[in-house]
């Protein structure tokens, strides 16, 4: 998985490419721990994300908890397969998906 971060003031865009699964989720988790300091607007770009597992969902959930305290989080460009995973798991009710 490739993680591309673009910071602009208090906004951070994270574009993910590949698969967010048990192998790659810890990598994203580590990136987020340091990257979210002072961020008020977090955006994920999933246009090139092919798959997300429960480990990936857990990382998104912990990022959402952090952002609930300091700003907002949006997930953009979600493909049908990943959107279906969000629906089945109930994450559509927790996350802001555009």
N, C-alpha and C. Protein backbone atom coordinates (compact mmCIF):
# COMPACT_ATOMS: atom_id res chain seq x y z
N UNK A 1 0.84 -1.18 0.00
CA UNK A 1 0.00 0.00 0.00
C UNK A 1 0.89 1.25 0.00
N UNK A 2 0.46 2.25 -0.74
CA UNK A 2 1.15 3.52 -0.79
C UNK A 2 0.32 4.58 -0.07
N UNK A 3 0.98 5.38 0.78
CA UNK A 3 0.31 6.46 1.50
C UNK A 3 0.89 7.78 1.01
N UNK A 4 0.03 8.61 0.42
CA UNK A 4 0.46 9.94 -0.03
C UNK A 4 -0.21 10.99 0.83
N UNK A 5 0.60 11.76 1.57
CA UNK A 5 0.05 12.79 2.45
C UNK A 5 0.29 14.17 1.86
N UNK A 6 -0.74 15.01 1.90
CA UNK A 6 -0.62 16.39 1.47
C UNK A 6 -1.19 17.28 2.57
N UNK A 7 -0.30 18.04 3.21
CA UNK A 7 -0.74 18.93 4.29
C UNK A 7 -0.83 20.35 3.77
N UNK A 8 -1.89 21.05 4.19
CA UNK A 8 -2.07 22.44 3.81
C UNK A 8 -2.64 23.16 5.03
N UNK A 9 -1.76 23.74 5.84
CA UNK A 9 -2.21 24.38 7.07
C UNK A 9 -2.78 23.35 8.02
N UNK A 10 -4.05 23.53 8.40
CA UNK A 10 -4.70 22.61 9.33
C UNK A 10 -5.46 21.50 8.62
N UNK A 11 -5.26 21.40 7.29
CA UNK A 11 -5.92 20.36 6.49
C UNK A 11 -4.90 19.30 6.07
N UNK A 12 -5.30 18.04 6.15
CA UNK A 12 -4.44 16.95 5.72
C UNK A 12 -5.25 16.02 4.81
N UNK A 13 -4.69 15.75 3.62
CA UNK A 13 -5.32 14.81 2.70
C UNK A 13 -4.41 13.58 2.63
N UNK A 14 -5.00 12.42 2.86
CA UNK A 14 -4.25 11.16 2.77
C UNK A 14 -4.86 10.33 1.66
N UNK A 15 -4.07 10.12 0.61
CA UNK A 15 -4.51 9.29 -0.52
C UNK A 15 -3.89 7.91 -0.36
N UNK A 16 -4.75 6.89 -0.33
CA UNK A 16 -4.27 5.52 -0.18
C UNK A 16 -4.36 4.79 -1.50
N UNK A 17 -3.35 3.97 -1.76
CA UNK A 17 -3.30 3.21 -3.00
C UNK A 17 -2.97 1.76 -2.67
N UNK A 18 -3.78 0.83 -3.19
CA UNK A 18 -3.53 -0.59 -2.95
C UNK A 18 -4.55 -1.19 -2.01
N UNK A 19 -4.05 -1.96 -1.02
CA UNK A 19 -4.92 -2.69 -0.09
C UNK A 19 -4.64 -2.25 1.34
N UNK A 20 -5.70 -1.93 2.06
CA UNK A 20 -5.58 -1.59 3.49
C UNK A 20 -6.06 -2.82 4.26
N UNK A 21 -5.09 -3.63 4.69
CA UNK A 21 -5.43 -4.90 5.35
C UNK A 21 -4.54 -5.11 6.58
N UNK A 22 -4.53 -6.34 7.09
CA UNK A 22 -3.77 -6.66 8.30
C UNK A 22 -2.29 -6.32 8.17
N UNK A 23 -1.76 -6.47 6.97
CA UNK A 23 -0.34 -6.20 6.74
C UNK A 23 -0.04 -4.71 6.69
N UNK A 24 -0.92 -3.92 6.08
CA UNK A 24 -0.63 -2.50 5.84
C UNK A 24 -1.29 -1.56 6.85
N UNK A 25 -2.30 -2.02 7.58
CA UNK A 25 -3.00 -1.16 8.55
C UNK A 25 -2.06 -0.59 9.62
N UNK A 26 -1.13 -1.38 10.18
CA UNK A 26 -0.22 -0.80 11.18
C UNK A 26 0.62 0.36 10.63
N UNK A 27 0.97 0.29 9.36
CA UNK A 27 1.73 1.35 8.71
C UNK A 27 0.92 2.65 8.70
N UNK A 28 -0.35 2.58 8.31
CA UNK A 28 -1.22 3.75 8.30
C UNK A 28 -1.45 4.26 9.72
N UNK A 29 -1.63 3.35 10.66
CA UNK A 29 -1.84 3.70 12.06
C UNK A 29 -0.67 4.54 12.58
N UNK A 30 0.54 4.10 12.29
CA UNK A 30 1.75 4.82 12.71
C UNK A 30 1.82 6.21 12.08
N UNK A 31 1.51 6.28 10.77
CA UNK A 31 1.52 7.57 10.06
C UNK A 31 0.54 8.55 10.72
N UNK A 32 -0.65 8.05 11.04
CA UNK A 32 -1.69 8.91 11.61
C UNK A 32 -1.33 9.41 13.00
N UNK A 33 -0.65 8.58 13.79
CA UNK A 33 -0.29 8.98 15.16
C UNK A 33 0.53 10.27 15.17
N UNK A 34 1.41 10.41 14.20
CA UNK A 34 2.25 11.61 14.16
C UNK A 34 1.63 12.71 13.31
N UNK A 35 0.85 12.34 12.31
CA UNK A 35 0.35 13.32 11.32
C UNK A 35 -0.84 14.14 11.80
N UNK A 36 -1.59 13.68 12.78
CA UNK A 36 -2.84 14.35 13.14
C UNK A 36 -2.69 15.50 14.13
N UNK A 37 -1.49 15.72 14.66
CA UNK A 37 -1.28 16.83 15.59
C UNK A 37 -1.58 18.17 14.92
N UNK A 38 -2.55 18.90 15.47
CA UNK A 38 -2.88 20.22 14.94
C UNK A 38 -3.77 20.21 13.71
N UNK A 39 -4.17 19.03 13.25
CA UNK A 39 -5.02 18.93 12.06
C UNK A 39 -6.49 19.08 12.48
N UNK A 40 -7.22 19.93 11.74
CA UNK A 40 -8.65 20.12 12.02
C UNK A 40 -9.53 19.55 10.92
N UNK A 41 -8.95 19.30 9.76
CA UNK A 41 -9.72 18.82 8.62
C UNK A 41 -8.94 17.67 7.96
N UNK A 42 -9.39 16.43 8.20
CA UNK A 42 -8.73 15.25 7.65
C UNK A 42 -9.58 14.68 6.52
N UNK A 43 -8.94 14.48 5.36
CA UNK A 43 -9.64 13.89 4.22
C UNK A 43 -8.87 12.67 3.74
N UNK A 44 -9.58 11.58 3.54
CA UNK A 44 -8.99 10.39 2.93
C UNK A 44 -9.47 10.31 1.49
N UNK A 45 -8.55 10.05 0.58
CA UNK A 45 -8.90 9.84 -0.83
C UNK A 45 -8.72 8.35 -1.12
N UNK A 46 -9.84 7.67 -1.37
CA UNK A 46 -9.82 6.21 -1.60
C UNK A 46 -9.93 5.87 -3.08
N UNK A 47 -9.68 6.84 -3.99
CA UNK A 47 -9.87 6.58 -5.42
C UNK A 47 -8.99 5.44 -5.93
N UNK A 48 -7.84 5.19 -5.29
CA UNK A 48 -6.96 4.11 -5.73
C UNK A 48 -6.85 2.99 -4.72
N UNK A 49 -7.76 3.00 -3.71
CA UNK A 49 -7.77 1.92 -2.73
C UNK A 49 -8.63 0.78 -3.27
N UNK A 50 -8.08 -0.42 -3.30
CA UNK A 50 -8.77 -1.57 -3.88
C UNK A 50 -9.56 -2.38 -2.86
N UNK A 51 -9.09 -2.39 -1.60
CA UNK A 51 -9.67 -3.30 -0.61
C UNK A 51 -9.42 -2.75 0.79
N UNK A 52 -10.36 -3.00 1.70
CA UNK A 52 -10.15 -2.66 3.11
C UNK A 52 -10.63 -3.82 3.97
N UNK A 53 -9.83 -4.21 4.96
CA UNK A 53 -10.19 -5.31 5.86
C UNK A 53 -10.61 -4.74 7.20
N UNK A 54 -10.95 -5.62 8.14
CA UNK A 54 -11.36 -5.17 9.47
C UNK A 54 -10.22 -4.41 10.17
N UNK A 55 -8.98 -4.78 9.88
CA UNK A 55 -7.84 -4.07 10.47
C UNK A 55 -7.80 -2.63 9.96
N UNK A 56 -8.11 -2.45 8.68
CA UNK A 56 -8.17 -1.11 8.10
C UNK A 56 -9.32 -0.31 8.67
N UNK A 57 -10.46 -0.96 8.88
CA UNK A 57 -11.62 -0.29 9.48
C UNK A 57 -11.29 0.20 10.89
N UNK A 58 -10.53 -0.61 11.63
CA UNK A 58 -10.16 -0.25 12.99
C UNK A 58 -9.31 1.03 12.99
N UNK A 59 -8.38 1.14 12.04
CA UNK A 59 -7.53 2.33 11.93
C UNK A 59 -8.38 3.57 11.61
N UNK A 60 -9.34 3.41 10.69
CA UNK A 60 -10.23 4.53 10.35
C UNK A 60 -11.06 4.96 11.57
N UNK A 61 -11.51 3.97 12.33
CA UNK A 61 -12.32 4.26 13.52
C UNK A 61 -11.50 5.04 14.55
N UNK A 62 -10.25 4.65 14.77
CA UNK A 62 -9.44 5.37 15.74
C UNK A 62 -9.11 6.77 15.23
N UNK A 63 -8.92 6.94 13.92
CA UNK A 63 -8.69 8.27 13.35
C UNK A 63 -9.94 9.13 13.54
N UNK A 64 -11.12 8.53 13.35
CA UNK A 64 -12.38 9.26 13.52
C UNK A 64 -12.53 9.73 14.97
N UNK A 65 -12.15 8.89 15.92
CA UNK A 65 -12.25 9.26 17.34
C UNK A 65 -11.37 10.47 17.65
N UNK A 66 -10.16 10.48 17.09
CA UNK A 66 -9.24 11.61 17.29
C UNK A 66 -9.84 12.87 16.67
N UNK A 67 -10.34 12.73 15.43
CA UNK A 67 -10.86 13.90 14.70
C UNK A 67 -12.17 14.42 15.30
N UNK A 68 -12.93 13.57 15.97
CA UNK A 68 -14.15 14.03 16.66
C UNK A 68 -13.80 15.09 17.70
N UNK A 69 -12.61 14.99 18.30
CA UNK A 69 -12.18 15.91 19.34
C UNK A 69 -11.57 17.19 18.76
N UNK A 70 -10.97 17.08 17.55
CA UNK A 70 -10.23 18.25 17.07
C UNK A 70 -10.67 18.78 15.71
N UNK A 71 -11.70 18.19 15.11
CA UNK A 71 -12.14 18.70 13.81
C UNK A 71 -13.05 17.73 13.10
N UNK A 72 -12.81 17.55 11.80
CA UNK A 72 -13.68 16.68 11.00
C UNK A 72 -12.86 15.73 10.13
N UNK A 73 -13.51 14.63 9.73
CA UNK A 73 -12.87 13.63 8.87
C UNK A 73 -13.86 13.22 7.78
N UNK A 74 -13.37 13.18 6.54
CA UNK A 74 -14.20 12.81 5.39
C UNK A 74 -13.45 11.77 4.57
N UNK A 75 -14.20 10.80 4.04
CA UNK A 75 -13.61 9.81 3.13
C UNK A 75 -14.24 10.02 1.76
N UNK A 76 -13.39 10.24 0.76
CA UNK A 76 -13.87 10.55 -0.59
C UNK A 76 -13.48 9.45 -1.58
N UNK A 77 -14.19 9.42 -2.70
CA UNK A 77 -13.88 8.54 -3.83
C UNK A 77 -13.83 7.06 -3.46
N UNK A 78 -14.86 6.60 -2.76
CA UNK A 78 -14.93 5.21 -2.33
C UNK A 78 -15.53 4.36 -3.45
N UNK A 79 -14.87 3.25 -3.80
CA UNK A 79 -15.42 2.39 -4.84
C UNK A 79 -16.59 1.55 -4.29
N UNK A 80 -17.30 0.88 -5.18
CA UNK A 80 -18.50 0.14 -4.78
C UNK A 80 -18.22 -0.95 -3.77
N UNK A 81 -17.12 -1.69 -3.98
CA UNK A 81 -16.78 -2.80 -3.09
C UNK A 81 -16.52 -2.31 -1.67
N UNK A 82 -15.74 -1.25 -1.55
CA UNK A 82 -15.43 -0.72 -0.22
C UNK A 82 -16.66 -0.07 0.40
N UNK A 83 -17.48 0.59 -0.42
CA UNK A 83 -18.72 1.20 0.10
C UNK A 83 -19.64 0.12 0.66
N UNK A 84 -19.68 -1.02 0.00
CA UNK A 84 -20.51 -2.13 0.48
C UNK A 84 -19.99 -2.64 1.82
N UNK A 85 -18.67 -2.70 1.98
CA UNK A 85 -18.08 -3.11 3.27
C UNK A 85 -18.48 -2.11 4.35
N UNK A 86 -18.44 -0.81 4.04
CA UNK A 86 -18.86 0.22 4.99
C UNK A 86 -20.33 0.03 5.38
N UNK A 87 -21.18 -0.31 4.40
CA UNK A 87 -22.60 -0.48 4.67
C UNK A 87 -22.86 -1.70 5.55
N UNK A 88 -22.24 -2.82 5.20
CA UNK A 88 -22.46 -4.08 5.93
C UNK A 88 -21.98 -3.96 7.38
N UNK A 89 -20.88 -3.24 7.59
CA UNK A 89 -20.33 -3.10 8.94
C UNK A 89 -20.97 -1.98 9.74
N UNK A 90 -21.81 -1.17 9.10
CA UNK A 90 -22.44 -0.05 9.79
C UNK A 90 -21.57 1.19 9.85
N UNK A 91 -20.43 1.16 9.16
CA UNK A 91 -19.52 2.30 9.18
C UNK A 91 -20.08 3.51 8.44
N UNK A 92 -21.09 3.31 7.59
CA UNK A 92 -21.71 4.45 6.90
C UNK A 92 -22.38 5.38 7.91
N UNK A 93 -22.76 4.83 9.07
CA UNK A 93 -23.39 5.63 10.11
C UNK A 93 -22.37 6.35 11.00
N UNK A 94 -21.12 5.88 10.98
CA UNK A 94 -20.07 6.42 11.85
C UNK A 94 -19.20 7.41 11.10
N UNK A 95 -18.87 7.08 9.84
CA UNK A 95 -17.94 7.90 9.04
C UNK A 95 -18.69 8.81 8.08
N UNK A 96 -18.06 9.91 7.69
CA UNK A 96 -18.61 10.78 6.66
C UNK A 96 -18.00 10.34 5.33
N UNK A 97 -18.84 9.79 4.45
CA UNK A 97 -18.36 9.27 3.17
C UNK A 97 -18.99 10.07 2.05
N UNK A 98 -18.15 10.63 1.17
CA UNK A 98 -18.65 11.44 0.05
C UNK A 98 -18.34 10.76 -1.26
